[in-house]
PDB file of N, CA and C in Angstrom:
ATOM      1  N   MET A   1       8.481 -25.659   7.185  1.00  0.00           N
ATOM      2  CA  MET A   1       7.851 -25.254   8.469  1.00  0.00           C
ATOM      3  C   MET A   1       8.949 -25.121   9.517  1.00  0.00           C
ATOM      4  N   ILE A   2       8.585 -24.320  10.495  1.00  0.00           N
ATOM      5  CA  ILE A   2       9.537 -23.985  11.498  1.00  0.00           C
ATOM      6  C   ILE A   2       9.670 -25.097  12.632  1.00  0.00           C
ATOM      7  N   ASP A   3      10.856 -25.230  13.139  1.00  0.00           N
ATOM      8  CA  ASP A   3      11.033 -26.132  14.304  1.00  0.00           C
ATOM      9  C   ASP A   3      10.952 -25.232  15.432  1.00  0.00           C
ATOM     10  N   LEU A   4      10.069 -25.445  16.283  1.00  0.00           N
ATOM     11  CA  LEU A   4       9.749 -24.502  17.342  1.00  0.00           C
ATOM     12  C   LEU A   4      10.861 -24.430  18.381  1.00  0.00           C
ATOM     13  N   ILE A   5      11.441 -25.491  18.617  1.00  0.00           N
ATOM     14  CA  ILE A   5      12.639 -25.517  19.608  1.00  0.00           C
ATOM     15  C   ILE A   5      13.902 -24.725  19.003  1.00  0.00           C
ATOM     16  N   SER A   6      14.179 -24.973  17.709  1.00  0.00           N
ATOM     17  CA  SER A   6      15.221 -24.156  17.120  1.00  0.00           C
ATOM     18  C   SER A   6      14.900 -22.604  17.125  1.00  0.00           C
ATOM     19  N   TYR A   7      13.528 -22.406  16.917  1.00  0.00           N
ATOM     20  CA  TYR A   7      13.134 -21.007  16.881  1.00  0.00           C
ATOM     21  C   TYR A   7      13.339 -20.313  18.231  1.00  0.00           C
ATOM     22  N   LEU A   8      12.915 -21.047  19.319  1.00  0.00           N
ATOM     23  CA  LEU A   8      13.058 -20.516  20.730  1.00  0.00           C
ATOM     24  C   LEU A   8      14.487 -20.286  21.036  1.00  0.00           C
ATOM     25  N   ARG A   9      15.424 -21.171  20.570  1.00  0.00           N
ATOM     26  CA  ARG A   9      16.902 -20.928  20.859  1.00  0.00           C
ATOM     27  C   ARG A   9      17.352 -19.661  20.133  1.00  0.00           C
ATOM     28  N   ARG A  10      16.878 -19.489  18.944  1.00  0.00           N
ATOM     29  CA  ARG A  10      17.352 -18.307  18.237  1.00  0.00           C
ATOM     30  C   ARG A  10      16.652 -17.049  18.884  1.00  0.00           C
ATOM     31  N   GLN A  11      15.366 -17.129  19.230  1.00  0.00           N
ATOM     32  CA  GLN A  11      14.698 -15.927  19.740  1.00  0.00           C
ATOM     33  C   GLN A  11      15.389 -15.642  21.111  1.00  0.00           C
ATOM     34  N   LYS A  12      15.825 -16.639  21.901  1.00  0.00           N
ATOM     35  CA  LYS A  12      16.525 -16.384  23.166  1.00  0.00           C
ATOM     36  C   LYS A  12      17.747 -15.666  22.930  1.00  0.00           C
ATOM     37  N   LEU A  13      18.594 -16.069  21.843  1.00  0.00           N
ATOM     38  CA  LEU A  13      19.781 -15.352  21.621  1.00  0.00           C
ATOM     39  C   LEU A  13      19.648 -13.868  21.326  1.00  0.00           C
ATOM     40  N   PHE A  14      18.653 -13.673  20.346  1.00  0.00           N
ATOM     41  CA  PHE A  14      18.386 -12.291  19.895  1.00  0.00           C
ATOM     42  C   PHE A  14      17.852 -11.489  21.122  1.00  0.00           C
ATOM     43  N   SER A  15      17.008 -11.995  21.883  1.00  0.00           N
ATOM     44  CA  SER A  15      16.323 -11.183  22.975  1.00  0.00           C
ATOM     45  C   SER A  15      17.374 -10.918  24.049  1.00  0.00           C
ATOM     46  N   ASP A  16      18.188 -11.942  24.485  1.00  0.00           N
ATOM     47  CA  ASP A  16      19.122 -11.704  25.441  1.00  0.00           C
ATOM     48  C   ASP A  16      20.137 -10.693  24.986  1.00  0.00           C
ATOM     49  N   ARG A  17      20.559 -10.670  23.723  1.00  0.00           N
ATOM     50  CA  ARG A  17      21.522  -9.660  23.236  1.00  0.00           C
ATOM     51  C   ARG A  17      20.830  -8.255  23.020  1.00  0.00           C
ATOM     52  N   THR A  18      19.690  -8.312  22.690  1.00  0.00           N
ATOM     53  CA  THR A  18      19.040  -6.989  22.412  1.00  0.00           C
ATOM     54  C   THR A  18      18.358  -6.335  23.687  1.00  0.00           C
ATOM     55  N   PHE A  19      17.771  -7.098  24.571  1.00  0.00           N
ATOM     56  CA  PHE A  19      17.169  -6.590  25.669  1.00  0.00           C
ATOM     57  C   PHE A  19      17.786  -6.894  27.024  1.00  0.00           C
ATOM     58  N   GLY A  20      18.765  -7.596  27.002  1.00  0.00           N
ATOM     59  CA  GLY A  20      19.575  -7.960  28.212  1.00  0.00           C
ATOM     60  C   GLY A  20      19.129  -9.160  28.871  1.00  0.00           C
ATOM     61  N   PRO A  21      19.921  -9.788  29.776  1.00  0.00           N
ATOM     62  CA  PRO A  21      19.611 -10.925  30.460  1.00  0.00           C
ATOM     63  C   PRO A  21      18.663 -10.808  31.694  1.00  0.00           C
ATOM     64  N   GLY A  22      18.329 -11.830  32.183  1.00  0.00           N
ATOM     65  CA  GLY A  22      17.391 -11.802  33.446  1.00  0.00           C
ATOM     66  C   GLY A  22      15.991 -11.915  33.165  1.00  0.00           C
ATOM     67  N   ALA A  23      15.116 -12.019  34.164  1.00  0.00           N
ATOM     68  CA  ALA A  23      13.713 -12.261  34.068  1.00  0.00           C
ATOM     69  C   ALA A  23      13.013 -11.112  33.342  1.00  0.00           C
ATOM     70  N   ARG A  24      13.313 -10.022  33.688  1.00  0.00           N
ATOM     71  CA  ARG A  24      12.607  -8.747  33.106  1.00  0.00           C
ATOM     72  C   ARG A  24      11.116  -8.890  33.106  1.00  0.00           C
ATOM     73  N   THR A  25      10.640  -9.542  34.114  1.00  0.00           N
ATOM     74  CA  THR A  25       9.112  -9.964  34.146  1.00  0.00           C
ATOM     75  C   THR A  25       8.236  -8.720  33.996  1.00  0.00           C
ATOM     76  N   LYS A  26       8.388  -7.757  34.765  1.00  0.00           N
ATOM     77  CA  LYS A  26       7.612  -6.440  34.657  1.00  0.00           C
ATOM     78  C   LYS A  26       7.647  -5.782  33.349  1.00  0.00           C
ATOM     79  N   GLY A  27       8.842  -5.797  32.766  1.00  0.00           N
ATOM     80  CA  GLY A  27       9.009  -5.267  31.388  1.00  0.00           C
ATOM     81  C   GLY A  27       8.298  -5.975  30.316  1.00  0.00           C
ATOM     82  N   VAL A  28       8.542  -7.311  30.364  1.00  0.00           N
ATOM     83  CA  VAL A  28       7.658  -8.140  29.388  1.00  0.00           C
ATOM     84  C   VAL A  28       6.247  -7.974  29.636  1.00  0.00           C
ATOM     85  N   ILE A  29       5.603  -8.059  30.712  1.00  0.00           N
ATOM     86  CA  ILE A  29       4.255  -7.869  31.082  1.00  0.00           C
ATOM     87  C   ILE A  29       3.752  -6.438  30.606  1.00  0.00           C
ATOM     88  N   ASP A  30       4.545  -5.494  30.797  1.00  0.00           N
ATOM     89  CA  ASP A  30       4.239  -4.118  30.377  1.00  0.00           C
ATOM     90  C   ASP A  30       4.044  -4.130  28.872  1.00  0.00           C
ATOM     91  N   HIS A  31       4.953  -4.797  28.116  1.00  0.00           N
ATOM     92  CA  HIS A  31       4.898  -4.802  26.664  1.00  0.00           C
ATOM     93  C   HIS A  31       3.771  -5.622  26.179  1.00  0.00           C
ATOM     94  N   ILE A  32       3.407  -6.744  26.838  1.00  0.00           N
ATOM     95  CA  ILE A  32       2.256  -7.530  26.511  1.00  0.00           C
ATOM     96  C   ILE A  32       0.966  -6.555  26.621  1.00  0.00           C
ATOM     97  N   ARG A  33       0.900  -5.834  27.669  1.00  0.00           N
ATOM     98  CA  ARG A  33      -0.309  -4.976  27.770  1.00  0.00           C
ATOM     99  C   ARG A  33      -0.439  -4.068  26.672  1.00  0.00           C
ATOM    100  N   LYS A  34       0.727  -3.468  26.209  1.00  0.00           N
ATOM    101  CA  LYS A  34       0.741  -2.373  25.102  1.00  0.00           C
ATOM    102  C   LYS A  34       0.292  -3.141  23.789  1.00  0.00           C
ATOM    103  N   GLU A  35       0.844  -4.420  23.711  1.00  0.00           N
ATOM    104  CA  GLU A  35       0.370  -5.154  22.443  1.00  0.00           C
ATOM    105  C   GLU A  35      -1.101  -5.483  22.457  1.00  0.00           C
ATOM    106  N   LEU A  36      -1.587  -5.868  23.588  1.00  0.00           N
ATOM    107  CA  LEU A  36      -3.060  -6.069  23.663  1.00  0.00           C
ATOM    108  C   LEU A  36      -3.957  -4.853  23.251  1.00  0.00           C
ATOM    109  N   ILE A  37      -3.455  -3.678  23.528  1.00  0.00           N
ATOM    110  CA  ILE A  37      -4.179  -2.495  23.128  1.00  0.00           C
ATOM    111  C   ILE A  37      -4.130  -2.480  21.643  1.00  0.00           C
ATOM    112  N   GLU A  38      -3.004  -2.754  21.120  1.00  0.00           N
ATOM    113  CA  GLU A  38      -2.939  -2.730  19.551  1.00  0.00           C
ATOM    114  C   GLU A  38      -3.739  -3.762  18.976  1.00  0.00           C
ATOM    115  N   ILE A  39      -3.980  -4.933  19.617  1.00  0.00           N
ATOM    116  CA  ILE A  39      -4.920  -5.841  19.038  1.00  0.00           C
ATOM    117  C   ILE A  39      -6.325  -5.400  19.130  1.00  0.00           C
ATOM    118  N   GLU A  40      -6.653  -4.737  20.242  1.00  0.00           N
ATOM    119  CA  GLU A  40      -8.022  -4.137  20.277  1.00  0.00           C
ATOM    120  C   GLU A  40      -8.195  -3.145  19.221  1.00  0.00           C
ATOM    121  N   ALA A  41      -7.218  -2.402  18.848  1.00  0.00           N
ATOM    122  CA  ALA A  41      -7.369  -1.315  17.786  1.00  0.00           C
ATOM    123  C   ALA A  41      -7.420  -2.096  16.411  1.00  0.00           C
ATOM    124  N   ALA A  42      -6.725  -3.114  16.236  1.00  0.00           N
ATOM    125  CA  ALA A  42      -6.674  -3.821  14.947  1.00  0.00           C
ATOM    126  C   ALA A  42      -6.712  -5.346  15.143  1.00  0.00           C
ATOM    127  N   PRO A  43      -7.897  -5.894  15.573  1.00  0.00           N
ATOM    128  CA  PRO A  43      -7.994  -7.254  15.803  1.00  0.00           C
ATOM    129  C   PRO A  43      -7.665  -8.263  14.704  1.00  0.00           C
ATOM    130  N   SER A  44      -7.602  -7.858  13.448  1.00  0.00           N
ATOM    131  CA  SER A  44      -7.288  -8.786  12.409  1.00  0.00           C
ATOM    132  C   SER A  44      -5.840  -8.607  11.990  1.00  0.00           C
ATOM    133  N   ASP A  45      -5.030  -7.990  12.612  1.00  0.00           N
ATOM    134  CA  ASP A  45      -3.559  -7.710  12.348  1.00  0.00           C
ATOM    135  C   ASP A  45      -2.787  -8.940  12.927  1.00  0.00           C
ATOM    136  N   LEU A  46      -2.350  -9.909  12.184  1.00  0.00           N
ATOM    137  CA  LEU A  46      -1.688 -11.105  12.492  1.00  0.00           C
ATOM    138  C   LEU A  46      -0.389 -10.705  13.256  1.00  0.00           C
ATOM    139  N   LYS A  47       0.235  -9.627  12.740  1.00  0.00           N
ATOM    140  CA  LYS A  47       1.579  -9.242  13.429  1.00  0.00           C
ATOM    141  C   LYS A  47       1.323  -8.932  14.834  1.00  0.00           C
ATOM    142  N   GLU A  48       0.254  -8.326  15.195  1.00  0.00           N
ATOM    143  CA  GLU A  48       0.043  -7.915  16.617  1.00  0.00           C
ATOM    144  C   GLU A  48      -0.208  -9.179  17.423  1.00  0.00           C
ATOM    145  N   TRP A  49      -0.929 -10.171  16.819  1.00  0.00           N
ATOM    146  CA  TRP A  49      -1.138 -11.399  17.697  1.00  0.00           C
ATOM    147  C   TRP A  49       0.109 -12.096  17.876  1.00  0.00           C
ATOM    148  N   ILE A  50       1.000 -12.132  16.918  1.00  0.00           N
ATOM    149  CA  ILE A  50       2.335 -12.714  16.970  1.00  0.00           C
ATOM    150  C   ILE A  50       3.206 -12.011  17.939  1.00  0.00           C
ATOM    151  N   ASP A  51       3.049 -10.643  18.053  1.00  0.00           N
ATOM    152  CA  ASP A  51       3.872  -9.929  19.008  1.00  0.00           C
ATOM    153  C   ASP A  51       3.643 -10.495  20.388  1.00  0.00           C
ATOM    154  N   VAL A  52       2.403 -10.728  20.683  1.00  0.00           N
ATOM    155  CA  VAL A  52       1.950 -11.246  22.100  1.00  0.00           C
ATOM    156  C   VAL A  52       2.571 -12.577  22.196  1.00  0.00           C
ATOM    157  N   VAL A  53       2.431 -13.506  21.269  1.00  0.00           N
ATOM    158  CA  VAL A  53       2.967 -14.966  21.301  1.00  0.00           C
ATOM    159  C   VAL A  53       4.521 -14.703  21.520  1.00  0.00           C
ATOM    160  N   THR A  54       5.157 -13.904  20.913  1.00  0.00           N
ATOM    161  CA  THR A  54       6.728 -13.781  20.939  1.00  0.00           C
ATOM    162  C   THR A  54       6.912 -13.305  22.439  1.00  0.00           C
ATOM    163  N   LEU A  55       6.287 -12.373  22.881  1.00  0.00           N
ATOM    164  CA  LEU A  55       6.551 -11.905  24.193  1.00  0.00           C
ATOM    165  C   LEU A  55       6.241 -12.975  25.294  1.00  0.00           C
ATOM    166  N   ALA A  56       5.270 -13.695  25.142  1.00  0.00           N
ATOM    167  CA  ALA A  56       4.986 -14.848  26.081  1.00  0.00           C
ATOM    168  C   ALA A  56       6.051 -15.834  26.072  1.00  0.00           C
ATOM    169  N   LEU A  57       6.536 -16.141  24.872  1.00  0.00           N
ATOM    170  CA  LEU A  57       7.597 -17.252  24.818  1.00  0.00           C
ATOM    171  C   LEU A  57       8.877 -16.552  25.448  1.00  0.00           C
ATOM    172  N   ASP A  58       9.077 -15.313  25.256  1.00  0.00           N
ATOM    173  CA  ASP A  58      10.316 -14.629  25.755  1.00  0.00           C
ATOM    174  C   ASP A  58      10.138 -14.638  27.376  1.00  0.00           C
ATOM    175  N   GLY A  59       8.944 -14.388  27.896  1.00  0.00           N
ATOM    176  CA  GLY A  59       8.788 -14.399  29.279  1.00  0.00           C
ATOM    177  C   GLY A  59       8.952 -15.898  29.818  1.00  0.00           C
ATOM    178  N   ALA A  60       8.657 -16.847  29.091  1.00  0.00           N
ATOM    179  CA  ALA A  60       8.703 -18.234  29.536  1.00  0.00           C
ATOM    180  C   ALA A  60      10.244 -18.646  29.736  1.00  0.00           C
ATOM    181  N   TRP A  61      11.065 -18.278  28.766  1.00  0.00           N
ATOM    182  CA  TRP A  61      12.515 -18.599  28.774  1.00  0.00           C
ATOM    183  C   TRP A  61      13.154 -17.818  29.868  1.00  0.00           C
ATOM    184  N   ARG A  62      12.758 -16.483  29.936  1.00  0.00           N
ATOM    185  CA  ARG A  62      13.363 -15.584  31.018  1.00  0.00           C
ATOM    186  C   ARG A  62      12.954 -16.105  32.401  1.00  0.00           C
ATOM    187  N   ALA A  63      11.825 -16.822  32.485  1.00  0.00           N
ATOM    188  CA  ALA A  63      11.461 -17.396  33.781  1.00  0.00           C
ATOM    189  C   ALA A  63      12.271 -18.694  34.068  1.00  0.00           C
ATOM    190  N   GLY A  64      13.181 -19.002  33.247  1.00  0.00           N
ATOM    191  CA  GLY A  64      14.071 -20.170  33.510  1.00  0.00           C
ATOM    192  C   GLY A  64      13.866 -21.465  32.809  1.00  0.00           C
ATOM    193  N   TYR A  65      12.807 -21.409  31.906  1.00  0.00           N
ATOM    194  CA  TYR A  65      12.450 -22.698  31.170  1.00  0.00           C
ATOM    195  C   TYR A  65      13.290 -22.817  29.837  1.00  0.00           C
ATOM    196  N   SER A  66      13.569 -24.055  29.566  1.00  0.00           N
ATOM    197  CA  SER A  66      14.335 -24.305  28.376  1.00  0.00           C
ATOM    198  C   SER A  66      13.265 -24.395  27.198  1.00  0.00           C
ATOM    199  N   PRO A  67      13.790 -24.354  25.937  1.00  0.00           N
ATOM    200  CA  PRO A  67      12.853 -24.490  24.801  1.00  0.00           C
ATOM    201  C   PRO A  67      12.135 -25.885  24.826  1.00  0.00           C
ATOM    202  N   GLU A  68      12.725 -26.818  25.246  1.00  0.00           N
ATOM    203  CA  GLU A  68      12.159 -28.179  25.242  1.00  0.00           C
ATOM    204  C   GLU A  68      10.980 -28.142  26.228  1.00  0.00           C
ATOM    205  N   GLN A  69      11.151 -27.504  27.459  1.00  0.00           N
ATOM    206  CA  GLN A  69      10.231 -27.383  28.514  1.00  0.00           C
ATOM    207  C   GLN A  69       9.024 -26.557  27.943  1.00  0.00           C
ATOM    208  N   ILE A  70       9.330 -25.434  27.248  1.00  0.00           N
ATOM    209  CA  ILE A  70       8.188 -24.619  26.779  1.00  0.00           C
ATOM    210  C   ILE A  70       7.405 -25.459  25.818  1.00  0.00           C
ATOM    211  N   VAL A  71       8.059 -26.080  24.826  1.00  0.00           N
ATOM    212  CA  VAL A  71       7.305 -26.896  23.870  1.00  0.00           C
ATOM    213  C   VAL A  71       6.447 -27.954  24.572  1.00  0.00           C
ATOM    214  N   ASN A  72       7.012 -28.654  25.429  1.00  0.00           N
ATOM    215  CA  ASN A  72       6.420 -29.732  26.172  1.00  0.00           C
ATOM    216  C   ASN A  72       5.164 -29.172  26.886  1.00  0.00           C
ATOM    217  N   GLN A  73       5.317 -28.071  27.505  1.00  0.00           N
ATOM    218  CA  GLN A  73       4.094 -27.480  28.250  1.00  0.00           C
ATOM    219  C   GLN A  73       3.006 -27.046  27.259  1.00  0.00           C
ATOM    220  N   LEU A  74       3.411 -26.510  26.148  1.00  0.00           N
ATOM    221  CA  LEU A  74       2.369 -26.154  25.082  1.00  0.00           C
ATOM    222  C   LEU A  74       1.563 -27.303  24.726  1.00  0.00           C
ATOM    223  N   GLU A  75       2.187 -28.504  24.528  1.00  0.00           N
ATOM    224  CA  GLU A  75       1.592 -29.786  24.110  1.00  0.00           C
ATOM    225  C   GLU A  75       0.661 -30.177  25.354  1.00  0.00           C
ATOM    226  N   ARG A  76       1.210 -30.205  26.596  1.00  0.00           N
ATOM    227  CA  ARG A  76       0.404 -30.590  27.660  1.00  0.00           C
ATOM    228  C   ARG A  76      -0.738 -29.819  27.997  1.00  0.00           C
ATOM    229  N   THR A  77      -0.611 -28.460  27.700  1.00  0.00           N
ATOM    230  CA  THR A  77      -1.762 -27.561  27.953  1.00  0.00           C
ATOM    231  C   THR A  77      -2.882 -27.848  26.982  1.00  0.00           C
ATOM    232  N   LEU A  78      -2.446 -28.088  25.720  1.00  0.00           N
ATOM    233  CA  LEU A  78      -3.578 -28.466  24.624  1.00  0.00           C
ATOM    234  C   LEU A  78      -4.225 -29.806  25.068  1.00  0.00           C
ATOM    235  N   GLU A  79      -3.454 -30.685  25.500  1.00  0.00           N
ATOM    236  CA  GLU A  79      -4.008 -32.031  25.861  1.00  0.00           C
ATOM    237  C   GLU A  79      -4.963 -31.856  27.028  1.00  0.00           C
ATOM    238  N   ARG A  80      -4.598 -31.051  28.070  1.00  0.00           N
ATOM    239  CA  ARG A  80      -5.397 -30.807  29.176  1.00  0.00           C
ATOM    240  C   ARG A  80      -6.709 -30.112  28.748  1.00  0.00           C
ATOM    241  N   ASN A  81      -6.595 -29.139  27.928  1.00  0.00           N
ATOM    242  CA  ASN A  81      -7.786 -28.411  27.415  1.00  0.00           C
ATOM    243  C   ASN A  81      -8.665 -29.316  26.615  1.00  0.00           C
ATOM    244  N   GLU A  82      -8.160 -30.261  25.892  1.00  0.00           N
ATOM    245  CA  GLU A  82      -9.001 -31.189  25.037  1.00  0.00           C
ATOM    246  C   GLU A  82      -9.848 -32.154  26.012  1.00  0.00           C
ATOM    247  N   GLN A  83      -9.196 -32.358  27.204  1.00  0.00           N
ATOM    248  CA  GLN A  83      -9.944 -33.224  28.250  1.00  0.00           C
ATOM    249  C   GLN A  83     -11.026 -32.483  29.080  1.00  0.00           C
ATOM    250  N   ARG A  84     -10.993 -31.270  29.053  1.00  0.00           N
ATOM    251  CA  ARG A  84     -11.878 -30.460  29.901  1.00  0.00           C
ATOM    252  C   ARG A  84     -13.236 -30.348  29.311  1.00  0.00           C
ATOM    253  N   LYS A  85     -14.193 -30.029  30.192  1.00  0.00           N
ATOM    254  CA  LYS A  85     -15.627 -29.792  29.705  1.00  0.00           C
ATOM    255  C   LYS A  85     -15.765 -28.382  29.480  1.00  0.00           C
ATOM    256  N   TRP A  86     -16.233 -28.025  28.294  1.00  0.00           N
ATOM    257  CA  TRP A  86     -16.500 -26.678  27.858  1.00  0.00           C
ATOM    258  C   TRP A  86     -17.951 -26.355  27.646  1.00  0.00           C
ATOM    259  N   PRO A  87     -18.377 -25.209  27.972  1.00  0.00           N
ATOM    260  CA  PRO A  87     -19.784 -24.877  27.625  1.00  0.00           C
ATOM    261  C   PRO A  87     -19.935 -24.700  26.025  1.00  0.00           C
ATOM    262  N   ASP A  88     -21.166 -24.765  25.581  1.00  0.00           N
ATOM    263  CA  ASP A  88     -21.406 -24.639  24.150  1.00  0.00           C
ATOM    264  C   ASP A  88     -21.108 -23.177  23.713  1.00  0.00           C
ATOM    265  N   TRP A  89     -20.185 -23.038  22.828  1.00  0.00           N
ATOM    266  CA  TRP A  89     -19.790 -21.749  22.378  1.00  0.00           C
ATOM    267  C   TRP A  89     -20.910 -20.944  21.869  1.00  0.00           C
ATOM    268  N   ARG A  90     -21.880 -21.605  21.335  1.00  0.00           N
ATOM    269  CA  ARG A  90     -23.064 -20.928  20.653  1.00  0.00           C
ATOM    270  C   ARG A  90     -23.878 -20.188  21.620  1.00  0.00           C
ATOM    271  N   THR A  91     -23.818 -20.576  22.965  1.00  0.00           N
ATOM    272  CA  THR A  91     -24.606 -19.890  23.977  1.00  0.00           C
ATOM    273  C   THR A  91     -23.738 -18.792  24.836  1.00  0.00           C
ATOM    274  N   ALA A  92     -22.474 -18.671  24.387  1.00  0.00           N
ATOM    275  CA  ALA A  92     -21.663 -17.792  25.062  1.00  0.00           C
ATOM    276  C   ALA A  92     -21.552 -16.387  24.433  1.00  0.00           C
ATOM    277  N   SER A  93     -21.303 -15.436  25.143  1.00  0.00           N
ATOM    278  CA  SER A  93     -21.121 -14.146  24.504  1.00  0.00           C
ATOM    279  C   SER A  93     -19.882 -13.999  23.769  1.00  0.00           C
ATOM    280  N   PRO A  94     -19.789 -13.490  22.474  1.00  0.00           N
ATOM    281  CA  PRO A  94     -18.528 -13.363  21.847  1.00  0.00           C
ATOM    282  C   PRO A  94     -17.569 -12.359  22.440  1.00  0.00           C
ATOM    283  N   ASP A  95     -18.031 -11.642  23.491  1.00  0.00           N
ATOM    284  CA  ASP A  95     -17.257 -10.532  23.996  1.00  0.00           C
ATOM    285  C   ASP A  95     -16.705 -10.897  25.400  1.00  0.00           C
ATOM    286  N   GLN A  96     -16.872 -12.125  25.784  1.00  0.00           N
ATOM    287  CA  GLN A  96     -16.394 -12.673  27.078  1.00  0.00           C
ATOM    288  C   GLN A  96     -15.662 -13.982  26.930  1.00  0.00           C
ATOM    289  N   ALA A  97     -14.874 -14.254  27.855  1.00  0.00           N
ATOM    290  CA  ALA A  97     -13.984 -15.496  27.794  1.00  0.00           C
ATOM    291  C   ALA A  97     -14.949 -16.661  27.966  1.00  0.00           C
ATOM    292  N   ILE A  98     -14.656 -17.708  27.327  1.00  0.00           N
ATOM    293  CA  ILE A  98     -15.283 -19.061  27.432  1.00  0.00           C
ATOM    294  C   ILE A  98     -14.395 -19.908  28.327  1.00  0.00           C
ATOM    295  N   GLU A  99     -14.823 -20.146  29.557  1.00  0.00           N
ATOM    296  CA  GLU A  99     -14.066 -20.883  30.431  1.00  0.00           C
ATOM    297  C   GLU A  99     -14.611 -22.286  30.694  1.00  0.00           C
ATOM    298  N   HIS A 100     -13.591 -23.159  30.992  1.00  0.00           N
ATOM    299  CA  HIS A 100     -13.938 -24.550  31.169  1.00  0.00           C
ATOM    300  C   HIS A 100     -14.789 -24.695  32.558  1.00  0.00           C
ATOM    301  N   ASP A 101     -15.453 -25.872  32.678  1.00  0.00           N
ATOM    302  CA  ASP A 101     -16.250 -26.132  33.856  1.00  0.00           C
ATOM    303  C   ASP A 101     -15.101 -26.423  34.939  1.00  0.00           C
ATOM    304  N   ARG A 102     -14.989 -25.622  35.929  1.00  0.00           N
ATOM    305  CA  ARG A 102     -14.030 -25.749  36.979  1.00  0.00           C
ATOM    306  C   ARG A 102     -14.443 -26.891  37.984  1.00  0.00           C
ATOM    307  N   ARG A 103     -15.613 -27.247  37.991  1.00  0.00           N
ATOM    308  CA  ARG A 103     -16.182 -28.321  38.909  1.00  0.00           C
ATOM    309  C   ARG A 103     -15.548 -29.637  38.555  1.00  0.00           C
ATOM    310  N   GLU A 104     -15.118 -29.650  37.354  1.00  0.00           N
ATOM    311  CA  GLU A 104     -14.626 -31.026  36.828  1.00  0.00           C
ATOM    312  C   GLU A 104     -13.163 -30.929  36.451  1.00  0.00           C
ATOM    313  N   SER A 105     -12.441 -29.945  36.931  1.00  0.00           N
ATOM    314  CA  SER A 105     -11.109 -29.713  36.659  1.00  0.00           C
ATOM    315  C   SER A 105     -10.078 -30.810  37.068  1.00  0.00           C
ATOM    316  N   LYS A 106      -9.232 -31.192  36.269  1.00  0.00           N
ATOM    317  CA  LYS A 106      -8.158 -32.161  36.585  1.00  0.00           C
ATOM    318  C   LYS A 106      -6.961 -31.505  36.856  1.00  0.00           C
ATOM    319  N   PRO A 107      -6.086 -31.832  37.750  1.00  0.00           N
ATOM    320  CA  PRO A 107      -4.894 -31.209  37.923  1.00  0.00           C
ATOM    321  C   PRO A 107      -3.862 -31.182  36.821  1.00  0.00           C
TER     322      PRO A 107
END
């Protein structure tokens, strides 16, 4: 299996060398939008989903975060989501986002 921190270090080297240094925020967001259109056209294509993940991780390190900070935030986000109250998915539309109950949000 992959070591995510090592992967992020490798991805950063590739991306920096290939696409240049700096935040490039608008370019990363533009690329994510294009990938989302590709997912809508082929929702079962794993490659397209991973393209979005890769771009999101690229945006995170370009925003100044280390691989360790990115991985730690991934874990904290899952932990926070596990603690939130969510509506019953069976009563939600499959075509709309299922959002947590914001009245009980924790910082």
